Every structure is written in C-alpha cells, then in structure tokens.
Amino acid sequence: MDLPERRPAHDDKLLDAEVAISELGPLTTDELDTPPAGFGCPSCGGSLFQVGGGPVPRYRCRVGHAWSPESLLDEQAVALEGALWMALRALEEKSALSRRMATAGAHRQSASADRFNDMARDAEVAGATLRRLIARLGSAPHADDTTPSS
C-alpha cells in the first residue's frame, strides 16, 4: 500500500523550504526565496540562509541546523577559539620538532641547525602572538553577559 504524498496546505515557499530543511529533505538554493547569508554553519560548515525578516532573523543550513543571531555569534566564537588553539598546538609542535632537528643535525651541518633553530624561533614568536590573541578574545563579553565592563 502506497502512502499518499505529503502536500503542503498553503502556498508559502519559505515555510516549505524550512520544513524541507528540518526534515532533511532535498533542498536546493533554487527553492529558497532568499540568498545565502554569507555565513557558514558552525556545526557542519554548510551555507546558512537567513530565514524570515523582521527585527530578529533566523539562520538555517541545508541539513537543518538553526541559529538565532546571538547563538550563531556565540557558536562562531567557540569555533574560532578552537581553531586558534589548534593553530597554537601546531606551532608549538613545529617549534619542538625544529629544535630536535637542529640538535640532531648540529654535529653534521651548522647551517642546517641554524635554519631549524630559526624555524623554531619563528614558530615560538607566532605562538606567543596567538596566545595573546586567545587571551584577548577569551576576555571579550558574550551576548548574554550583562555585567558592566570597567
């Protein structure tokens, strides 16, 4: 027995698109009356679309993740901090490996050891810059923070 095809009882393309998104139905940009918002979804990296007008827009991606402006901003901050920590770890590992290579090659070629030491110093300087940036961003107030800043 075949089930009847679900048909919307209205003629609202935007609502149909939201329903399709929430049900993980197929959706193309041709089916939306709104262009991409220019932001990526923090959860999946897909394009976000601004849904609804008015004073408080909502953002949805193709697979159904939904964001208010405040939650999107908060999640972007979390993603940014995570990316900065990964970059810092990579720089610290580059510095450590460069130092090991400089030590291992010091008895063979001093020019090679100097080059690896320079690479280590460059990575350490960049890492220190990232640490300062992470500390600065970590102290930024969040949207739900109501405490006055001094």
Foldseek 3Di string as FASTA:
>chain_A
DDDDDDDDPDDDLLVVQLVCQQVLHDDDPVSDPFDFPPDAQLVPRATWTWRDDDDWTKIAGNNGDIGTVQRRVVSVLVSVLVVLVVLLVVLQVLLVVLCVQLVVCCVPDNVSSVVSNVSNVVSVVVSVVSVVVSVVSVPDDGPPDPDDDD
